[in-house]
Amino acid sequence: MKTNTALVFDVSAIRNQFPILHQQVNGKPLIYFDNAATSQKPLAVINTIKDYYEQYNSNIHRGAHYLAQLATERYEDARHTIASHLNASEQEINFVRGTTEAINLVATSYGRKFVSAGDEIIVTEMEHHSNIVPWQMLCEEKGATLRVIPITDSGELIYEEYLKLLSEKTKIVSVAHTSNALGTIHPVKEMIADAHKYGAVVFVDGAQALPHSKVDVQDLDCDFLGFSGHKVFAGTGIGVLYGKAHLLEAMNPYMGGGEMIKTVSFKGTTYNDLPYKFEAGTPHIEGGISLGAAINYINQIGLDNISSYEHELLRYGTEQLASVDDLRFVGTAENKSSVISFLVKNIHPYDIGVLLNEQGIAIRTGHHCCQPLMDRLGIEGTCRASFAFYNTKQEIDVFVKALQRAVKVLS
């Protein structure tokens, strides 16, 4: 029998750990439904950043003094935490600025070396721009071709078409684990297995998956995976590239400078071991430490609890929004994350967003950095409400009533 998560999941106690939620916007209690864009930060993360600057601010790896040693220890502890969370080794965890840099790093350091004229790279029709543009740039440089997996009107991949696209020419498949615009959860494990039959490597964009569910890179057997700290309750400007060690070893460095070297002379340079080979210069130290704290925080709550609770919010939110006259859901895949995209009548999403903001409600409007997807669906953009484990059904009730008032004003 399925456990009722409400009995073990204390949302009130969790909300007390997020100071930003306890404020008013335009005289109304803030309701934050823009979690797919960025998540809010718990005290466990905020205090970690504060402690770094108040107690042991120092550069890492290169100092013999106490502060440098402590900062290095905390930074590498965070790497260990993230490696354990993903079921990876520490040498496979590379700190980057976020998912965008992770994709660009692979496109540059792997793609330039292993992709040639006539090769093909496959993405889906619903990718974020950051998982399209770097591959387009690589294809243009190398004379390769970008292939696109089409989707259904409900926002699901047409898997048979993916299988048709795969061939001996396929060198890279890059796919979001979960769509940021529609919430669709792709069958990435199966996609990876099928791509490997042709010798292709697979990059998984995990930005929207890591905050909501357990991701095991060994189970997926992905070759690369990237995610962003700011979406998983850590600070901005920090993220992770996971890569299989043998692939990272074969790649050229992404940037040159300090830390990524063993020796430097004017006769030549030898590169550092993994993961430092891809971490040139002074890193975002407090960002990396905060990311470790964020991963520890969600593991304390329990990702199974988080996933179950957010699924209930998705179910309830979908049910309540269905009562709004002339509302049309955009993206109705069977397997979804806690994202609801919608349109109402012929009202521009931005106008709805502005009126909801006046009532203290934050949603995202626009194309969500997915213009090719919007073109496929024949629309300019959507309203998007995205939930996290600190949101409540009561907030959804207020949101739906506010939406109805906004629609009435705009009709």
Protein backbone atom coordinates (compact mmCIF):
# COMPACT_ATOMS: atom_id res chain seq x y z
CA MET A 1 0.00 0.00 0.00
CA LYS A 2 1.36 3.42 -0.93
CA THR A 3 2.32 5.59 2.03
CA ASN A 4 0.50 8.88 2.42
CA THR A 5 3.41 11.31 2.27
CA ALA A 6 1.38 13.93 4.15
CA LEU A 7 1.89 11.83 7.30
CA VAL A 8 5.68 12.01 7.06
CA PHE A 9 6.22 15.15 4.99
CA ASP A 10 5.93 18.31 7.10
CA VAL A 11 5.58 21.11 4.56
CA SER A 12 5.19 23.79 7.23
CA ALA A 13 8.50 22.82 8.81
CA ILE A 14 10.16 22.75 5.39
CA ARG A 15 8.81 26.20 4.48
CA ASN A 16 10.29 27.60 7.68
CA GLN A 17 13.70 26.69 6.25
CA PHE A 18 13.18 29.05 3.27
CA PRO A 19 13.25 32.68 4.49
CA ILE A 20 12.37 34.19 1.11
CA LEU A 21 8.94 32.54 1.12
CA HIS A 22 7.84 34.55 4.16
CA GLN A 23 7.29 37.93 2.55
CA GLN A 24 4.62 39.91 0.78
CA VAL A 25 4.63 41.03 -2.84
CA ASN A 26 2.25 43.84 -3.72
CA GLY A 27 0.58 43.40 -0.34
CA LYS A 28 -0.06 39.69 -0.86
CA PRO A 29 1.80 36.65 0.51
CA LEU A 30 4.38 35.52 -2.02
CA ILE A 31 3.45 32.39 -3.96
CA TYR A 32 6.49 31.20 -5.87
CA PHE A 33 5.65 28.94 -8.81
CA ASP A 34 8.75 29.62 -10.92
CA ASN A 35 10.89 26.76 -9.65
CA ALA A 36 11.79 25.44 -13.10
CA ALA A 37 13.62 28.72 -13.72
CA THR A 38 15.40 28.75 -10.36
CA SER A 39 14.69 27.33 -6.93
CA GLN A 40 14.71 29.09 -3.57
CA LYS A 41 17.45 28.40 -1.04
CA PRO A 42 17.11 26.81 2.41
CA LEU A 43 18.93 28.08 5.48
CA ALA A 44 21.26 25.09 5.23
CA VAL A 45 22.59 26.54 1.97
CA ILE A 46 22.42 30.22 2.93
CA ASN A 47 24.32 29.59 6.17
CA THR A 48 26.94 27.54 4.34
CA ILE A 49 27.71 30.48 2.05
CA LYS A 50 27.68 32.89 5.00
CA ASP A 51 30.01 30.65 7.00
CA TYR A 52 32.45 30.44 4.09
CA TYR A 53 32.87 34.21 3.93
CA GLU A 54 32.85 34.74 7.67
CA GLN A 55 35.05 31.86 8.76
CA TYR A 56 37.32 30.39 6.06
CA ASN A 57 37.32 32.48 2.88
CA SER A 58 40.45 31.48 0.99
CA ASN A 59 41.62 30.15 -2.33
CA ILE A 60 41.86 26.38 -2.49
CA HIS A 61 44.42 23.68 -3.36
CA ARG A 62 47.41 26.02 -3.40
CA GLY A 63 47.76 27.21 0.18
CA ALA A 64 49.55 25.73 3.19
CA HIS A 65 47.71 27.87 5.75
CA TYR A 66 44.67 26.91 7.83
CA LEU A 67 42.01 28.80 5.87
CA ALA A 68 43.17 27.38 2.55
CA GLN A 69 43.25 23.87 3.96
CA LEU A 70 39.74 24.18 5.43
CA ALA A 71 38.29 25.70 2.24
CA THR A 72 39.90 22.95 0.17
CA GLU A 73 38.55 20.27 2.49
CA ARG A 74 34.99 21.64 2.32
CA TYR A 75 35.15 22.04 -1.45
CA GLU A 76 36.37 18.50 -1.99
CA ASP A 77 33.84 17.21 0.54
CA ALA A 78 31.15 18.73 -1.69
CA ARG A 79 32.59 16.92 -4.71
CA HIS A 80 32.46 13.66 -2.74
CA THR A 81 28.83 14.32 -1.77
CA ILE A 82 27.83 14.98 -5.37
CA ALA A 83 29.71 11.94 -6.65
CA SER A 84 27.94 9.71 -4.11
CA HIS A 85 24.59 11.28 -5.01
CA LEU A 86 25.06 10.48 -8.70
CA ASN A 87 26.75 7.11 -8.05
CA ALA A 88 29.92 8.32 -9.75
CA SER A 89 33.58 8.56 -8.82
CA GLU A 90 35.02 11.88 -7.65
CA GLN A 91 37.34 12.14 -10.64
CA GLU A 92 34.26 12.13 -12.89
CA ILE A 93 32.71 15.19 -11.17
CA ASN A 94 33.78 18.44 -12.77
CA PHE A 95 32.59 21.74 -11.31
CA VAL A 96 31.32 24.14 -13.98
CA ARG A 97 29.10 27.23 -13.99
CA GLY A 98 25.98 25.26 -14.85
CA THR A 99 24.32 23.02 -17.40
CA THR A 100 25.02 25.46 -20.23
CA GLU A 101 28.76 25.38 -19.61
CA ALA A 102 28.67 21.59 -19.21
CA ILE A 103 27.12 21.22 -22.67
CA ASN A 104 29.51 23.71 -24.23
CA LEU A 105 32.47 21.96 -22.61
CA VAL A 106 31.50 18.62 -24.12
CA ALA A 107 30.64 20.15 -27.50
CA THR A 108 34.04 21.82 -27.58
CA SER A 109 36.40 19.37 -25.90
CA TYR A 110 34.79 16.13 -27.07
CA GLY A 111 33.02 17.31 -30.20
CA ARG A 112 35.94 19.08 -31.83
CA LYS A 113 38.11 16.02 -31.37
CA PHE A 114 35.71 13.23 -32.28
CA VAL A 115 33.11 14.72 -34.65
CA SER A 116 33.96 14.99 -38.34
CA ALA A 117 32.34 16.06 -41.59
CA GLY A 118 29.37 13.84 -42.43
CA ASP A 119 28.75 12.82 -38.81
CA GLU A 120 25.41 13.41 -37.14
CA ILE A 121 24.26 14.72 -33.76
CA ILE A 122 20.75 14.06 -32.47
CA VAL A 123 18.64 16.28 -30.19
CA THR A 124 14.90 16.45 -29.52
CA GLU A 125 12.36 18.97 -30.73
CA MET A 126 11.76 20.25 -27.19
CA GLU A 127 15.30 21.04 -26.08
CA HIS A 128 16.33 24.18 -24.24
CA HIS A 129 18.36 26.55 -26.41
CA SER A 130 21.48 25.61 -24.43
CA ASN A 131 21.12 22.05 -25.72
CA ILE A 132 20.68 23.17 -29.32
CA VAL A 133 22.98 26.10 -30.06
CA PRO A 134 26.32 24.52 -29.00
CA TRP A 135 25.60 21.51 -31.23
CA GLN A 136 24.62 23.77 -34.12
CA MET A 137 27.91 25.62 -33.70
CA LEU A 138 29.83 22.33 -33.68
CA CYS A 139 28.01 21.05 -36.76
CA GLU A 140 28.71 24.28 -38.63
CA GLU A 141 32.40 24.10 -37.73
CA LYS A 142 32.82 20.41 -38.55
CA GLY A 143 30.43 19.94 -41.44
CA ALA A 144 28.26 17.60 -39.38
CA THR A 145 24.45 17.45 -39.41
CA LEU A 146 22.02 18.09 -36.57
CA ARG A 147 19.09 15.66 -36.53
CA VAL A 148 15.93 16.33 -34.54
CA ILE A 149 13.58 13.80 -32.91
CA PRO A 150 9.98 14.93 -33.52
CA ILE A 151 7.31 15.02 -30.82
CA THR A 152 3.58 14.41 -30.59
CA ASP A 153 1.05 17.17 -29.97
CA SER A 154 0.92 16.08 -26.32
CA GLY A 155 4.65 16.69 -25.95
CA GLU A 156 6.08 13.17 -26.05
CA LEU A 157 8.96 11.93 -28.18
CA ILE A 158 8.03 9.80 -31.17
CA TYR A 159 10.38 6.99 -30.24
CA GLU A 160 10.09 5.14 -33.54
CA GLU A 161 11.40 8.26 -35.28
CA TYR A 162 14.35 8.38 -32.91
CA LEU A 163 15.23 4.81 -33.82
CA LYS A 164 15.07 5.74 -37.50
CA LEU A 165 17.48 8.65 -36.96
CA LEU A 166 20.12 6.50 -35.27
CA SER A 167 22.83 5.18 -37.58
CA GLU A 168 26.55 4.59 -37.82
CA LYS A 169 26.83 8.32 -38.58
CA THR A 170 25.46 9.21 -35.14
CA LYS A 171 28.26 10.42 -32.92
CA ILE A 172 26.38 12.27 -30.14
CA VAL A 173 22.84 12.17 -28.76
CA SER A 174 22.01 15.03 -26.39
CA VAL A 175 18.67 14.99 -24.60
CA ALA A 176 17.03 16.62 -21.62
CA HIS A 177 16.05 14.14 -18.95
CA THR A 178 13.00 16.34 -18.31
CA SER A 179 11.59 19.16 -20.45
CA ASN A 180 11.76 22.55 -18.77
CA ALA A 181 8.87 23.89 -20.85
CA LEU A 182 6.41 20.97 -20.70
CA GLY A 183 7.60 18.80 -17.82
CA THR A 184 7.82 15.72 -20.06
CA ILE A 185 10.13 13.04 -18.63
CA HIS A 186 11.94 11.30 -21.46
CA PRO A 187 12.82 7.58 -21.51
CA VAL A 188 16.51 8.43 -21.30
CA LYS A 189 17.70 5.03 -20.13
CA GLU A 190 16.23 3.37 -23.21
CA MET A 191 17.50 6.18 -25.45
CA ILE A 192 21.02 5.72 -24.12
CA ALA A 193 20.96 1.96 -24.66
CA ASP A 194 19.78 2.37 -28.23
CA ALA A 195 22.37 5.06 -28.99
CA HIS A 196 25.15 2.88 -27.62
CA LYS A 197 24.26 0.18 -30.14
CA TYR A 198 25.67 2.52 -32.79
CA GLY A 199 28.68 3.62 -30.77
CA ALA A 200 27.28 7.08 -30.06
CA VAL A 201 27.88 8.90 -26.79
CA VAL A 202 24.95 10.41 -24.90
CA PHE A 203 24.79 13.70 -23.00
CA VAL A 204 21.89 13.99 -20.54
CA ASP A 205 20.75 17.47 -19.56
CA GLY A 206 19.76 16.81 -15.95
CA ALA A 207 18.91 20.39 -14.97
CA GLN A 208 15.20 19.72 -14.50
CA ALA A 209 15.55 16.17 -13.18
CA LEU A 210 17.99 16.53 -10.27
CA PRO A 211 15.68 18.68 -8.08
CA HIS A 212 12.84 16.17 -8.27
CA SER A 213 14.13 12.61 -8.47
CA LYS A 214 17.09 10.31 -7.98
CA VAL A 215 19.49 10.18 -10.92
CA ASP A 216 21.98 7.31 -11.01
CA VAL A 217 24.52 7.67 -13.80
CA GLN A 218 25.58 4.03 -13.54
CA ASP A 219 22.01 2.85 -13.95
CA LEU A 220 21.40 5.20 -16.87
CA ASP A 221 24.83 4.40 -18.36
CA CYS A 222 24.99 7.95 -19.75
CA ASP A 223 28.35 9.14 -21.01
CA PHE A 224 27.90 12.72 -19.83
CA LEU A 225 25.40 14.49 -17.58
CA GLY A 226 25.16 18.13 -16.60
CA PHE A 227 23.08 19.98 -14.05
CA SER A 228 22.84 23.43 -12.47
CA GLY A 229 23.14 24.20 -8.79
CA HIS A 230 20.62 27.03 -8.79
CA LYS A 231 17.82 24.68 -9.82
CA VAL A 232 18.64 22.20 -7.05
CA PHE A 233 18.43 24.71 -4.15
CA ALA A 234 22.08 25.82 -4.26
CA GLY A 235 23.58 29.10 -5.40
CA THR A 236 23.84 30.45 -8.92
CA GLY A 237 26.88 30.16 -11.16
CA ILE A 238 27.74 26.61 -10.11
CA GLY A 239 26.97 23.25 -11.64
CA VAL A 240 28.42 19.88 -12.49
CA LEU A 241 29.55 17.99 -15.53
CA TYR A 242 29.69 14.25 -14.96
CA GLY A 243 31.62 12.33 -17.56
CA LYS A 244 32.87 8.78 -17.81
CA ALA A 245 36.53 8.88 -16.82
CA HIS A 246 37.88 7.32 -20.01
CA LEU A 247 36.06 9.90 -22.12
CA LEU A 248 37.27 12.82 -19.99
CA GLU A 249 40.80 11.47 -20.21
CA ALA A 250 40.60 11.42 -24.00
CA MET A 251 39.31 15.00 -24.25
CA ASN A 252 41.36 18.17 -24.54
CA PRO A 253 41.08 20.79 -21.77
CA TYR A 254 38.29 23.32 -22.18
CA MET A 255 40.30 26.26 -20.82
CA GLY A 256 43.96 26.81 -20.01
CA GLY A 257 45.36 28.42 -16.88
CA GLY A 258 46.11 27.66 -13.28
CA GLU A 259 45.04 24.43 -11.57
CA MET A 260 44.48 22.49 -14.81
CA ILE A 261 48.23 21.93 -15.24
CA LYS A 262 50.94 19.74 -13.78
CA THR A 263 53.90 21.54 -15.30
CA VAL A 264 54.29 24.61 -17.51
CA SER A 265 57.32 25.68 -19.53
CA PHE A 266 57.80 27.48 -22.81
CA LYS A 267 58.65 24.12 -24.31
CA GLY A 268 55.23 22.71 -23.43
CA THR A 269 52.63 22.03 -20.76
CA THR A 270 51.41 18.82 -19.13
CA TYR A 271 47.82 18.72 -17.96
CA ASN A 272 46.54 17.86 -14.51
CA ASP A 273 44.71 14.68 -13.56
CA LEU A 274 40.92 14.46 -13.50
CA PRO A 275 38.88 16.31 -12.46
CA TYR A 276 41.23 19.30 -12.24
CA LYS A 277 42.04 19.07 -15.93
CA PHE A 278 38.74 20.86 -16.62
CA GLU A 279 38.81 23.31 -13.69
CA ALA A 280 41.11 26.12 -14.77
CA GLY A 281 41.52 29.15 -12.53
CA THR A 282 40.01 30.00 -9.17
CA PRO A 283 36.67 28.18 -8.99
CA HIS A 284 33.34 29.28 -7.55
CA ILE A 285 34.39 27.95 -4.16
CA GLU A 286 31.39 28.90 -2.04
CA GLY A 287 29.14 27.80 -4.90
CA GLY A 288 30.61 24.31 -4.92
CA ILE A 289 30.35 24.07 -1.14
CA SER A 290 26.76 25.31 -1.24
CA LEU A 291 25.91 22.69 -3.86
CA GLY A 292 27.16 19.96 -1.55
CA ALA A 293 25.01 21.42 1.24
CA ALA A 294 21.96 21.51 -1.05
CA ILE A 295 22.42 17.87 -2.06
CA ASN A 296 22.70 16.88 1.61
CA TYR A 297 19.55 18.87 2.35
CA ILE A 298 17.34 17.19 -0.24
CA ASN A 299 18.70 13.79 0.75
CA GLN A 300 17.70 14.48 4.36
CA ILE A 301 14.14 15.16 3.20
CA GLY A 302 14.27 12.17 0.88
CA LEU A 303 13.93 12.28 -2.89
CA ASP A 304 11.18 9.65 -2.78
CA ASN A 305 9.22 11.93 -0.46
CA ILE A 306 9.92 14.92 -2.68
CA SER A 307 8.88 13.10 -5.84
CA SER A 308 5.66 11.72 -4.34
CA TYR A 309 4.65 15.06 -2.84
CA GLU A 310 5.36 17.02 -6.01
CA HIS A 311 3.45 14.48 -8.07
CA GLU A 312 0.46 15.12 -5.81
CA LEU A 313 0.85 18.87 -6.36
CA LEU A 314 0.97 18.25 -10.11
CA ARG A 315 -2.18 16.14 -9.98
CA TYR A 316 -4.03 18.63 -7.81
CA GLY A 317 -2.88 21.66 -9.80
CA THR A 318 -3.91 20.08 -13.09
CA GLU A 319 -7.31 19.19 -11.65
CA GLN A 320 -7.94 22.68 -10.30
CA LEU A 321 -6.73 24.51 -13.40
CA ALA A 322 -9.06 22.40 -15.52
CA SER A 323 -11.93 24.34 -13.93
CA VAL A 324 -10.75 27.59 -15.52
CA ASP A 325 -12.91 28.39 -18.55
CA ASP A 326 -11.13 28.18 -21.91
CA LEU A 327 -7.83 27.08 -20.38
CA ARG A 328 -5.74 24.83 -22.60
CA PHE A 329 -2.92 22.72 -21.23
CA VAL A 330 0.25 22.67 -23.31
CA GLY A 331 2.11 19.43 -22.76
CA THR A 332 0.03 16.52 -21.53
CA ALA A 333 2.56 13.70 -21.54
CA GLU A 334 1.72 10.71 -19.39
CA ASN A 335 5.05 10.86 -17.54
CA LYS A 336 5.59 14.41 -16.27
CA SER A 337 7.46 16.41 -13.70
CA SER A 338 5.73 19.08 -11.59
CA VAL A 339 5.39 21.60 -14.43
CA ILE A 340 2.12 22.87 -15.88
CA SER A 341 2.18 24.96 -19.06
CA PHE A 342 -1.06 26.49 -20.28
CA LEU A 343 -2.82 29.16 -22.33
CA VAL A 344 -6.17 30.82 -21.71
CA LYS A 345 -8.33 31.95 -24.64
CA ASN A 346 -6.28 34.25 -26.88
CA ILE A 347 -4.77 36.17 -23.95
CA HIS A 348 -1.04 36.80 -24.16
CA PRO A 349 0.83 34.87 -21.45
CA TYR A 350 2.76 37.97 -20.42
CA ASP A 351 -0.43 39.85 -19.58
CA ILE A 352 -1.55 36.99 -17.34
CA GLY A 353 1.85 36.94 -15.68
CA VAL A 354 1.69 40.67 -14.93
CA LEU A 355 -1.76 40.46 -13.31
CA LEU A 356 -0.76 37.41 -11.27
CA ASN A 357 2.32 39.29 -10.06
CA GLU A 358 0.02 42.05 -8.81
CA GLN A 359 -1.56 39.38 -6.62
CA GLY A 360 1.80 38.18 -5.30
CA ILE A 361 2.08 35.12 -7.56
CA ALA A 362 5.27 34.37 -9.51
CA ILE A 363 4.98 32.23 -12.64
CA ARG A 364 7.07 32.20 -15.82
CA THR A 365 5.73 33.37 -19.18
CA GLY A 366 7.21 33.25 -22.66
CA HIS A 367 8.98 30.66 -24.78
CA HIS A 368 11.10 29.30 -21.88
CA CYS A 369 14.23 29.26 -24.08
CA CYS A 370 12.48 26.70 -26.29
CA GLN A 371 11.60 28.61 -29.46
CA PRO A 372 11.81 25.57 -31.78
CA LEU A 373 9.35 23.77 -29.49
CA MET A 374 6.96 26.72 -29.57
CA ASP A 375 7.23 26.84 -33.35
CA ARG A 376 6.36 23.13 -33.48
CA LEU A 377 3.29 23.74 -31.31
CA GLY A 378 2.26 26.81 -33.30
CA ILE A 379 2.35 29.21 -30.36
CA GLU A 380 4.54 32.09 -29.16
CA GLY A 381 4.81 30.90 -25.59
CA THR A 382 2.92 29.72 -22.53
CA CYS A 383 2.23 30.45 -18.91
CA ARG A 384 4.21 28.00 -16.78
CA ALA A 385 3.60 27.11 -13.16
CA SER A 386 6.31 24.86 -11.71
CA PHE A 387 6.14 23.43 -8.21
CA ALA A 388 8.73 22.49 -5.61
CA PHE A 389 8.38 20.54 -2.36
CA TYR A 390 7.87 23.77 -0.36
CA ASN A 391 4.71 24.64 -2.29
CA THR A 392 1.23 23.73 -1.06
CA LYS A 393 -2.24 22.90 -2.29
CA GLN A 394 -3.49 26.04 -0.53
CA GLU A 395 -1.15 28.09 -2.71
CA ILE A 396 -2.57 26.37 -5.78
CA ASP A 397 -6.10 27.30 -4.68
CA VAL A 398 -5.10 30.95 -4.35
CA PHE A 399 -3.33 30.79 -7.72
CA VAL A 400 -6.37 29.38 -9.53
CA LYS A 401 -8.70 32.04 -8.08
CA ALA A 402 -6.19 34.75 -8.99
CA LEU A 403 -5.93 33.36 -12.52
CA GLN A 404 -9.70 33.43 -12.89
CA ARG A 405 -9.73 37.09 -11.82
CA ALA A 406 -6.93 37.90 -14.26
CA VAL A 407 -8.73 36.19 -17.13
CA LYS A 408 -11.92 38.08 -16.34
CA VAL A 409 -10.05 41.41 -16.46
CA LEU A 410 -8.26 40.53 -19.70
CA SER A 411 -11.22 39.04 -21.57
